[in-house]
Amino acid sequence: MEFTLKELSSENFAFEYIKDGEKLAEIEWIQRGDIMVMNHTFVSDVLRGQGIAKKLLDKASEYARENNYKMEAVCSYVVQVFNKSNEYDDVKA
């Protein structure tokens, strides 16, 4: 499964998974300087239970590390994962 980086506007970005022209998963953020404000995660019902949201968060955190960004958790999913795991401590804002 490949996630594609998409620029939604000058400050709004997402990693998306699109299959047959349909968006099945995405994690979205607003870029504020070197802070990625993680504001939305979506996984289609057809993909639920497969760890796709975690894979999206991993992809976004990899992007943050590569670009020396920090991530601010606003989306309830990202907040939950950040609170439960120290795996992302290096990118937490």
PDB file of N, CA and C in Angstrom:
ATOM      1  N   MET A   1       0.859  -1.183   0.000  1.00  0.00           N
ATOM      2  CA  MET A   1       0.000   0.000   0.000  1.00  0.00           C
ATOM      3  C   MET A   1       0.893   1.231   0.000  1.00  0.00           C
ATOM      4  N   GLU A   2       0.635   2.107  -0.933  1.00  0.00           N
ATOM      5  CA  GLU A   2       1.450   3.305  -1.067  1.00  0.00           C
ATOM      6  C   GLU A   2       0.628   4.550  -0.751  1.00  0.00           C
ATOM      7  N   PHE A   3       1.200   5.420   0.083  1.00  0.00           N
ATOM      8  CA  PHE A   3       0.557   6.683   0.433  1.00  0.00           C
ATOM      9  C   PHE A   3       1.192   7.802  -0.379  1.00  0.00           C
ATOM     10  N   THR A   4       0.366   8.686  -0.900  1.00  0.00           N
ATOM     11  CA  THR A   4       0.827   9.779  -1.734  1.00  0.00           C
ATOM     12  C   THR A   4       0.697  11.096  -0.987  1.00  0.00           C
ATOM     13  N   LEU A   5       1.776  11.887  -1.009  1.00  0.00           N
ATOM     14  CA  LEU A   5       1.736  13.220  -0.422  1.00  0.00           C
ATOM     15  C   LEU A   5       0.970  14.140  -1.360  1.00  0.00           C
ATOM     16  N   LYS A   6      -0.017  14.838  -0.810  1.00  0.00           N
ATOM     17  CA  LYS A   6      -0.821  15.747  -1.619  1.00  0.00           C
ATOM     18  C   LYS A   6      -0.857  17.118  -0.957  1.00  0.00           C
ATOM     19  N   GLU A   7      -0.633  18.157  -1.756  1.00  0.00           N
ATOM     20  CA  GLU A   7      -0.765  19.530  -1.277  1.00  0.00           C
ATOM     21  C   GLU A   7      -2.207  19.960  -1.534  1.00  0.00           C
ATOM     22  N   LEU A   8      -2.961  20.149  -0.456  1.00  0.00           N
ATOM     23  CA  LEU A   8      -4.372  20.522  -0.567  1.00  0.00           C
ATOM     24  C   LEU A   8      -4.539  22.027  -0.714  1.00  0.00           C
ATOM     25  N   SER A   9      -3.626  22.779  -0.114  1.00  0.00           N
ATOM     26  CA  SER A   9      -3.539  24.232  -0.256  1.00  0.00           C
ATOM     27  C   SER A   9      -2.116  24.610   0.149  1.00  0.00           C
ATOM     28  N   SER A  10      -1.816  25.896   0.197  1.00  0.00           N
ATOM     29  CA  SER A  10      -0.447  26.304   0.490  1.00  0.00           C
ATOM     30  C   SER A  10       0.025  25.870   1.879  1.00  0.00           C
ATOM     31  N   GLU A  11      -0.899  25.643   2.817  1.00  0.00           N
ATOM     32  CA  GLU A  11      -0.520  25.229   4.181  1.00  0.00           C
ATOM     33  C   GLU A  11      -1.146  23.899   4.595  1.00  0.00           C
ATOM     34  N   ASN A  12      -1.930  23.286   3.734  1.00  0.00           N
ATOM     35  CA  ASN A  12      -2.679  22.086   4.087  1.00  0.00           C
ATOM     36  C   ASN A  12      -2.191  20.910   3.234  1.00  0.00           C
ATOM     37  N   PHE A  13      -1.769  19.835   3.916  1.00  0.00           N
ATOM     38  CA  PHE A  13      -1.184  18.679   3.239  1.00  0.00           C
ATOM     39  C   PHE A  13      -1.805  17.391   3.765  1.00  0.00           C
ATOM     40  N   ALA A  14      -1.620  16.310   3.008  1.00  0.00           N
ATOM     41  CA  ALA A  14      -2.122  15.012   3.434  1.00  0.00           C
ATOM     42  C   ALA A  14      -1.328  13.903   2.774  1.00  0.00           C
ATOM     43  N   PHE A  15      -1.270  12.780   3.456  1.00  0.00           N
ATOM     44  CA  PHE A  15      -0.875  11.533   2.821  1.00  0.00           C
ATOM     45  C   PHE A  15      -2.172  10.789   2.564  1.00  0.00           C
ATOM     46  N   GLU A  16      -2.351  10.331   1.330  1.00  0.00           N
ATOM     47  CA  GLU A  16      -3.602   9.689   0.930  1.00  0.00           C
ATOM     48  C   GLU A  16      -3.338   8.311   0.340  1.00  0.00           C
ATOM     49  N   TYR A  17      -4.323   7.451   0.502  1.00  0.00           N
ATOM     50  CA  TYR A  17      -4.343   6.169  -0.201  1.00  0.00           C
ATOM     51  C   TYR A  17      -5.580   6.185  -1.081  1.00  0.00           C
ATOM     52  N   ILE A  18      -5.350   6.138  -2.391  1.00  0.00           N
ATOM     53  CA  ILE A  18      -6.448   6.176  -3.347  1.00  0.00           C
ATOM     54  C   ILE A  18      -6.385   4.907  -4.184  1.00  0.00           C
ATOM     55  N   LYS A  19      -7.521   4.239  -4.302  1.00  0.00           N
ATOM     56  CA  LYS A  19      -7.606   3.026  -5.106  1.00  0.00           C
ATOM     57  C   LYS A  19      -8.807   3.147  -6.027  1.00  0.00           C
ATOM     58  N   ASP A  20      -8.582   2.907  -7.304  1.00  0.00           N
ATOM     59  CA  ASP A  20      -9.640   2.999  -8.318  1.00  0.00           C
ATOM     60  C   ASP A  20     -10.364   4.338  -8.256  1.00  0.00           C
ATOM     61  N   GLY A  21      -9.599   5.403  -8.029  1.00  0.00           N
ATOM     62  CA  GLY A  21     -10.159   6.744  -8.009  1.00  0.00           C
ATOM     63  C   GLY A  21     -10.890   7.128  -6.733  1.00  0.00           C
ATOM     64  N   GLU A  22     -10.900   6.249  -5.748  1.00  0.00           N
ATOM     65  CA  GLU A  22     -11.598   6.525  -4.489  1.00  0.00           C
ATOM     66  C   GLU A  22     -10.596   6.678  -3.349  1.00  0.00           C
ATOM     67  N   LYS A  23     -10.728   7.764  -2.576  1.00  0.00           N
ATOM     68  CA  LYS A  23      -9.874   7.970  -1.412  1.00  0.00           C
ATOM     69  C   LYS A  23     -10.348   7.037  -0.302  1.00  0.00           C
ATOM     70  N   LEU A  24      -9.463   6.131   0.101  1.00  0.00           N
ATOM     71  CA  LEU A  24      -9.816   5.150   1.123  1.00  0.00           C
ATOM     72  C   LEU A  24      -9.176   5.446   2.480  1.00  0.00           C
ATOM     73  N   ALA A  25      -8.154   6.301   2.484  1.00  0.00           N
ATOM     74  CA  ALA A  25      -7.505   6.643   3.752  1.00  0.00           C
ATOM     75  C   ALA A  25      -6.685   7.914   3.572  1.00  0.00           C
ATOM     76  N   GLU A  26      -6.590   8.684   4.675  1.00  0.00           N
ATOM     77  CA  GLU A  26      -5.746   9.878   4.643  1.00  0.00           C
ATOM     78  C   GLU A  26      -5.431  10.339   6.048  1.00  0.00           C
ATOM     79  N   ILE A  27      -4.292  11.014   6.162  1.00  0.00           N
ATOM     80  CA  ILE A  27      -3.952  11.758   7.364  1.00  0.00           C
ATOM     81  C   ILE A  27      -3.596  13.160   6.885  1.00  0.00           C
ATOM     82  N   GLU A  28      -4.188  14.147   7.525  1.00  0.00           N
ATOM     83  CA  GLU A  28      -4.099  15.521   7.036  1.00  0.00           C
ATOM     84  C   GLU A  28      -3.509  16.417   8.118  1.00  0.00           C
ATOM     85  N   TRP A  29      -2.801  17.466   7.666  1.00  0.00           N
ATOM     86  CA  TRP A  29      -2.237  18.432   8.611  1.00  0.00           C
ATOM     87  C   TRP A  29      -2.148  19.812   7.994  1.00  0.00           C
ATOM     88  N   ILE A  30      -2.018  20.789   8.885  1.00  0.00           N
ATOM     89  CA  ILE A  30      -1.755  22.175   8.509  1.00  0.00           C
ATOM     90  C   ILE A  30      -0.307  22.449   8.872  1.00  0.00           C
ATOM     91  N   GLN A  31       0.439  22.958   7.930  1.00  0.00           N
ATOM     92  CA  GLN A  31       1.852  23.256   8.163  1.00  0.00           C
ATOM     93  C   GLN A  31       1.975  24.669   8.706  1.00  0.00           C
ATOM     94  N   ARG A  32       2.486  24.803   9.920  1.00  0.00           N
ATOM     95  CA  ARG A  32       2.718  26.094  10.564  1.00  0.00           C
ATOM     96  C   ARG A  32       4.202  26.192  10.870  1.00  0.00           C
ATOM     97  N   GLY A  33       4.970  26.731   9.921  1.00  0.00           N
ATOM     98  CA  GLY A  33       6.424  26.785  10.089  1.00  0.00           C
ATOM     99  C   GLY A  33       6.968  25.376  10.128  1.00  0.00           C
ATOM    100  N   ASP A  34       7.655  25.012  11.232  1.00  0.00           N
ATOM    101  CA  ASP A  34       8.194  23.654  11.336  1.00  0.00           C
ATOM    102  C   ASP A  34       7.300  22.732  12.167  1.00  0.00           C
ATOM    103  N   ILE A  35       6.033  23.125  12.329  1.00  0.00           N
ATOM    104  CA  ILE A  35       5.055  22.313  13.072  1.00  0.00           C
ATOM    105  C   ILE A  35       3.987  21.777  12.121  1.00  0.00           C
ATOM    106  N   MET A  36       3.790  20.472  12.171  1.00  0.00           N
ATOM    107  CA  MET A  36       2.699  19.832  11.437  1.00  0.00           C
ATOM    108  C   MET A  36       1.539  19.690  12.426  1.00  0.00           C
ATOM    109  N   VAL A  37       0.479  20.453  12.226  1.00  0.00           N
ATOM    110  CA  VAL A  37      -0.688  20.377  13.109  1.00  0.00           C
ATOM    111  C   VAL A  37      -1.598  19.281  12.555  1.00  0.00           C
ATOM    112  N   MET A  38      -1.519  18.107  13.178  1.00  0.00           N
ATOM    113  CA  MET A  38      -2.228  16.923  12.696  1.00  0.00           C
ATOM    114  C   MET A  38      -3.707  17.040  13.070  1.00  0.00           C
ATOM    115  N   ASN A  39      -4.556  17.300  12.056  1.00  0.00           N
ATOM    116  CA  ASN A  39      -5.941  17.640  12.370  1.00  0.00           C
ATOM    117  C   ASN A  39      -6.989  16.651  11.879  1.00  0.00           C
ATOM    118  N   HIS A  40      -6.589  15.616  11.123  1.00  0.00           N
ATOM    119  CA  HIS A  40      -7.625  14.723  10.605  1.00  0.00           C
ATOM    120  C   HIS A  40      -7.017  13.400  10.155  1.00  0.00           C
ATOM    121  N   THR A  41      -7.654  12.306  10.550  1.00  0.00           N
ATOM    122  CA  THR A  41      -7.296  10.977  10.058  1.00  0.00           C
ATOM    123  C   THR A  41      -8.577  10.295   9.631  1.00  0.00           C
ATOM    124  N   PHE A  42      -8.537   9.682   8.450  1.00  0.00           N
ATOM    125  CA  PHE A  42      -9.712   8.988   7.920  1.00  0.00           C
ATOM    126  C   PHE A  42      -9.290   7.641   7.346  1.00  0.00           C
ATOM    127  N   VAL A  43     -10.057   6.603   7.687  1.00  0.00           N
ATOM    128  CA  VAL A  43      -9.876   5.288   7.074  1.00  0.00           C
ATOM    129  C   VAL A  43     -11.266   4.768   6.719  1.00  0.00           C
ATOM    130  N   SER A  44     -11.436   4.401   5.460  1.00  0.00           N
ATOM    131  CA  SER A  44     -12.708   3.871   4.981  1.00  0.00           C
ATOM    132  C   SER A  44     -13.076   2.592   5.733  1.00  0.00           C
ATOM    133  N   ASP A  45     -14.369   2.348   5.844  1.00  0.00           N
ATOM    134  CA  ASP A  45     -14.857   1.133   6.496  1.00  0.00           C
ATOM    135  C   ASP A  45     -14.262  -0.131   5.869  1.00  0.00           C
ATOM    136  N   VAL A  46     -14.007  -0.106   4.569  1.00  0.00           N
ATOM    137  CA  VAL A  46     -13.488  -1.304   3.898  1.00  0.00           C
ATOM    138  C   VAL A  46     -12.063  -1.645   4.334  1.00  0.00           C
ATOM    139  N   LEU A  47     -11.359  -0.689   4.949  1.00  0.00           N
ATOM    140  CA  LEU A  47      -9.984  -0.925   5.392  1.00  0.00           C
ATOM    141  C   LEU A  47      -9.834  -0.970   6.909  1.00  0.00           C
ATOM    142  N   ARG A  48     -10.904  -0.744   7.629  1.00  0.00           N
ATOM    143  CA  ARG A  48     -10.818  -0.698   9.097  1.00  0.00           C
ATOM    144  C   ARG A  48     -10.307  -2.020   9.667  1.00  0.00           C
ATOM    145  N   GLY A  49      -9.595  -1.903  10.769  1.00  0.00           N
ATOM    146  CA  GLY A  49      -9.084  -3.084  11.457  1.00  0.00           C
ATOM    147  C   GLY A  49      -7.799  -3.636  10.872  1.00  0.00           C
ATOM    148  N   GLN A  50      -7.189  -2.920   9.932  1.00  0.00           N
ATOM    149  CA  GLN A  50      -5.963  -3.395   9.289  1.00  0.00           C
ATOM    150  C   GLN A  50      -4.739  -2.567   9.680  1.00  0.00           C
ATOM    151  N   GLY A  51      -4.902  -1.660  10.637  1.00  0.00           N
ATOM    152  CA  GLY A  51      -3.785  -0.846  11.090  1.00  0.00           C
ATOM    153  C   GLY A  51      -3.404   0.263  10.130  1.00  0.00           C
ATOM    154  N   ILE A  52      -4.320   0.655   9.269  1.00  0.00           N
ATOM    155  CA  ILE A  52      -4.027   1.666   8.247  1.00  0.00           C
ATOM    156  C   ILE A  52      -3.773   3.037   8.874  1.00  0.00           C
ATOM    157  N   ALA A  53      -4.557   3.412   9.877  1.00  0.00           N
ATOM    158  CA  ALA A  53      -4.350   4.715  10.525  1.00  0.00           C
ATOM    159  C   ALA A  53      -2.949   4.794  11.119  1.00  0.00           C
ATOM    160  N   LYS A  54      -2.483   3.729  11.721  1.00  0.00           N
ATOM    161  CA  LYS A  54      -1.128   3.684  12.289  1.00  0.00           C
ATOM    162  C   LYS A  54      -0.091   3.814  11.181  1.00  0.00           C
ATOM    163  N   LYS A  55      -0.321   3.141  10.059  1.00  0.00           N
ATOM    164  CA  LYS A  55       0.608   3.245   8.931  1.00  0.00           C
ATOM    165  C   LYS A  55       0.662   4.679   8.405  1.00  0.00           C
ATOM    166  N   LEU A  56      -0.481   5.344   8.360  1.00  0.00           N
ATOM    167  CA  LEU A  56      -0.521   6.749   7.936  1.00  0.00           C
ATOM    168  C   LEU A  56       0.257   7.632   8.905  1.00  0.00           C
ATOM    169  N   LEU A  57       0.054   7.408  10.202  1.00  0.00           N
ATOM    170  CA  LEU A  57       0.774   8.189  11.204  1.00  0.00           C
ATOM    171  C   LEU A  57       2.273   7.915  11.111  1.00  0.00           C
ATOM    172  N   ASP A  58       2.640   6.669  10.874  1.00  0.00           N
ATOM    173  CA  ASP A  58       4.062   6.342  10.701  1.00  0.00           C
ATOM    174  C   ASP A  58       4.650   7.075   9.496  1.00  0.00           C
ATOM    175  N   LYS A  59       3.897   7.128   8.405  1.00  0.00           N
ATOM    176  CA  LYS A  59       4.359   7.820   7.200  1.00  0.00           C
ATOM    177  C   LYS A  59       4.525   9.320   7.469  1.00  0.00           C
ATOM    178  N   ALA A  60       3.550   9.901   8.165  1.00  0.00           N
ATOM    179  CA  ALA A  60       3.625  11.327   8.497  1.00  0.00           C
ATOM    180  C   ALA A  60       4.791  11.606   9.443  1.00  0.00           C
ATOM    181  N   SER A  61       5.028  10.731  10.407  1.00  0.00           N
ATOM    182  CA  SER A  61       6.135  10.952  11.337  1.00  0.00           C
ATOM    183  C   SER A  61       7.482  10.777  10.631  1.00  0.00           C
ATOM    184  N   GLU A  62       7.555   9.872   9.686  1.00  0.00           N
ATOM    185  CA  GLU A  62       8.762   9.709   8.875  1.00  0.00           C
ATOM    186  C   GLU A  62       9.032  10.993   8.078  1.00  0.00           C
ATOM    187  N   TYR A  63       7.986  11.561   7.514  1.00  0.00           N
ATOM    188  CA  TYR A  63       8.084  12.828   6.777  1.00  0.00           C
ATOM    189  C   TYR A  63       8.558  13.947   7.714  1.00  0.00           C
ATOM    190  N   ALA A  64       8.005  13.978   8.925  1.00  0.00           N
ATOM    191  CA  ALA A  64       8.407  14.991   9.909  1.00  0.00           C
ATOM    192  C   ALA A  64       9.897  14.853  10.242  1.00  0.00           C
ATOM    193  N   ARG A  65      10.338  13.638  10.464  1.00  0.00           N
ATOM    194  CA  ARG A  65      11.750  13.408  10.790  1.00  0.00           C
ATOM    195  C   ARG A  65      12.668  13.834   9.642  1.00  0.00           C
ATOM    196  N   GLU A  66      12.280  13.476   8.425  1.00  0.00           N
ATOM    197  CA  GLU A  66      13.100  13.818   7.251  1.00  0.00           C
ATOM    198  C   GLU A  66      13.239  15.327   7.057  1.00  0.00           C
ATOM    199  N   ASN A  67      12.213  16.080   7.498  1.00  0.00           N
ATOM    200  CA  ASN A  67      12.191  17.526   7.279  1.00  0.00           C
ATOM    201  C   ASN A  67      12.443  18.338   8.545  1.00  0.00           C
ATOM    202  N   ASN A  68      12.831  17.656   9.628  1.00  0.00           N
ATOM    203  CA  ASN A  68      13.066  18.304  10.927  1.00  0.00           C
ATOM    204  C   ASN A  68      11.844  19.078  11.413  1.00  0.00           C
ATOM    205  N   TYR A  69      10.665  18.480  11.234  1.00  0.00           N
ATOM    206  CA  TYR A  69       9.415  19.056  11.714  1.00  0.00           C
ATOM    207  C   TYR A  69       9.013  18.386  13.015  1.00  0.00           C
ATOM    208  N   LYS A  70       8.150  19.060  13.744  1.00  0.00           N
ATOM    209  CA  LYS A  70       7.496  18.495  14.915  1.00  0.00           C
ATOM    210  C   LYS A  70       6.013  18.343  14.585  1.00  0.00           C
ATOM    211  N   MET A  71       5.335  17.481  15.326  1.00  0.00           N
ATOM    212  CA  MET A  71       3.923  17.213  15.082  1.00  0.00           C
ATOM    213  C   MET A  71       3.107  17.594  16.315  1.00  0.00           C
ATOM    214  N   GLU A  72       2.084  18.401  16.095  1.00  0.00           N
ATOM    215  CA  GLU A  72       1.150  18.761  17.157  1.00  0.00           C
ATOM    216  C   GLU A  72      -0.125  17.939  16.950  1.00  0.00           C
ATOM    217  N   ALA A  73      -0.507  17.187  17.954  1.00  0.00           N
ATOM    218  CA  ALA A  73      -1.671  16.311  17.860  1.00  0.00           C
ATOM    219  C   ALA A  73      -2.956  17.083  18.154  1.00  0.00           C
ATOM    220  N   VAL A  74      -3.836  17.172  17.167  1.00  0.00           N
ATOM    221  CA  VAL A  74      -5.161  17.759  17.329  1.00  0.00           C
ATOM    222  C   VAL A  74      -6.218  16.692  17.038  1.00  0.00           C
ATOM    223  N   CYS A  75      -5.998  15.924  15.988  1.00  0.00           N
ATOM    224  CA  CYS A  75      -6.885  14.818  15.627  1.00  0.00           C
ATOM    225  C   CYS A  75      -6.966  13.834  16.795  1.00  0.00           C
ATOM    226  N   SER A  76      -8.167  13.371  17.111  1.00  0.00           N
ATOM    227  CA  SER A  76      -8.354  12.489  18.270  1.00  0.00           C
ATOM    228  C   SER A  76      -7.533  11.201  18.153  1.00  0.00           C
ATOM    229  N   TYR A  77      -7.394  10.666  16.963  1.00  0.00           N
ATOM    230  CA  TYR A  77      -6.590   9.451  16.793  1.00  0.00           C
ATOM    231  C   TYR A  77      -5.126   9.717  17.137  1.00  0.00           C
ATOM    232  N   VAL A  78      -4.572  10.802  16.608  1.00  0.00           N
ATOM    233  CA  VAL A  78      -3.168  11.126  16.853  1.00  0.00           C
ATOM    234  C   VAL A  78      -2.947  11.432  18.337  1.00  0.00           C
ATOM    235  N   VAL A  79      -3.868  12.153  18.954  1.00  0.00           N
ATOM    236  CA  VAL A  79      -3.782  12.425  20.392  1.00  0.00           C
ATOM    237  C   VAL A  79      -3.715  11.109  21.165  1.00  0.00           C
ATOM    238  N   GLN A  80      -4.597  10.189  20.842  1.00  0.00           N
ATOM    239  CA  GLN A  80      -4.654   8.898  21.526  1.00  0.00           C
ATOM    240  C   GLN A  80      -3.342   8.128  21.377  1.00  0.00           C
ATOM    241  N   VAL A  81      -2.824   8.050  20.177  1.00  0.00           N
ATOM    242  CA  VAL A  81      -1.575   7.312  19.951  1.00  0.00           C
ATOM    243  C   VAL A  81      -0.404   8.000  20.646  1.00  0.00           C
ATOM    244  N   PHE A  82      -0.320   9.311  20.554  1.00  0.00           N
ATOM    245  CA  PHE A  82       0.762  10.043  21.217  1.00  0.00           C
ATOM    246  C   PHE A  82       0.726   9.815  22.728  1.00  0.00           C
ATOM    247  N   ASN A  83      -0.468   9.748  23.310  1.00  0.00           N
ATOM    248  CA  ASN A  83      -0.596   9.545  24.745  1.00  0.00           C
ATOM    249  C   ASN A  83      -0.250   8.127  25.179  1.00  0.00           C
ATOM    250  N   LYS A  84      -0.433   7.152  24.299  1.00  0.00           N
ATOM    251  CA  LYS A  84      -0.215   5.751  24.654  1.00  0.00           C
ATOM    252  C   LYS A  84       1.190   5.246  24.343  1.00  0.00           C
ATOM    253  N   SER A  85       1.901   5.936  23.449  1.00  0.00           N
ATOM    254  CA  SER A  85       3.173   5.411  22.973  1.00  0.00           C
ATOM    255  C   SER A  85       4.269   6.472  23.037  1.00  0.00           C
ATOM    256  N   ASN A  86       5.481   6.020  23.323  1.00  0.00           N
ATOM    257  CA  ASN A  86       6.619   6.942  23.282  1.00  0.00           C
ATOM    258  C   ASN A  86       7.356   6.832  21.944  1.00  0.00           C
ATOM    259  N   GLU A  87       6.795   6.084  21.010  1.00  0.00           N
ATOM    260  CA  GLU A  87       7.398   5.865  19.695  1.00  0.00           C
ATOM    261  C   GLU A  87       7.594   7.168  18.910  1.00  0.00           C
ATOM    262  N   TYR A  88       6.764   8.172  19.222  1.00  0.00           N
ATOM    263  CA  TYR A  88       6.789   9.429  18.469  1.00  0.00           C
ATOM    264  C   TYR A  88       7.337  10.595  19.294  1.00  0.00           C
ATOM    265  N   ASP A  89       7.938  10.310  20.436  1.00  0.00           N
ATOM    266  CA  ASP A  89       8.412  11.377  21.322  1.00  0.00           C
ATOM    267  C   ASP A  89       9.341  12.366  20.615  1.00  0.00           C
ATOM    268  N   ASP A  90      10.139  11.863  19.679  1.00  0.00           N
ATOM    269  CA  ASP A  90      11.102  12.733  19.005  1.00  0.00           C
ATOM    270  C   ASP A  90      10.449  13.727  18.059  1.00  0.00           C
ATOM    271  N   VAL A  91       9.193  13.494  17.667  1.00  0.00           N
ATOM    272  CA  VAL A  91       8.528  14.427  16.752  1.00  0.00           C
ATOM    273  C   VAL A  91       7.368  15.196  17.402  1.00  0.00           C
ATOM    274  N   LYS A  92       7.102  14.896  18.663  1.00  0.00           N
ATOM    275  CA  LYS A  92       6.012  15.612  19.347  1.00  0.00           C
ATOM    276  C   LYS A  92       6.394  17.059  19.556  1.00  0.00           C
ATOM    277  N   ALA A  93       5.435  17.961  19.261  1.00  0.00           N
ATOM    278  CA  ALA A  93       5.683  19.396  19.457  1.00  0.00           C
ATOM    279  C   ALA A  93       5.506  19.744  20.924  1.00  0.00           C
TER     280      ALA A  93
END
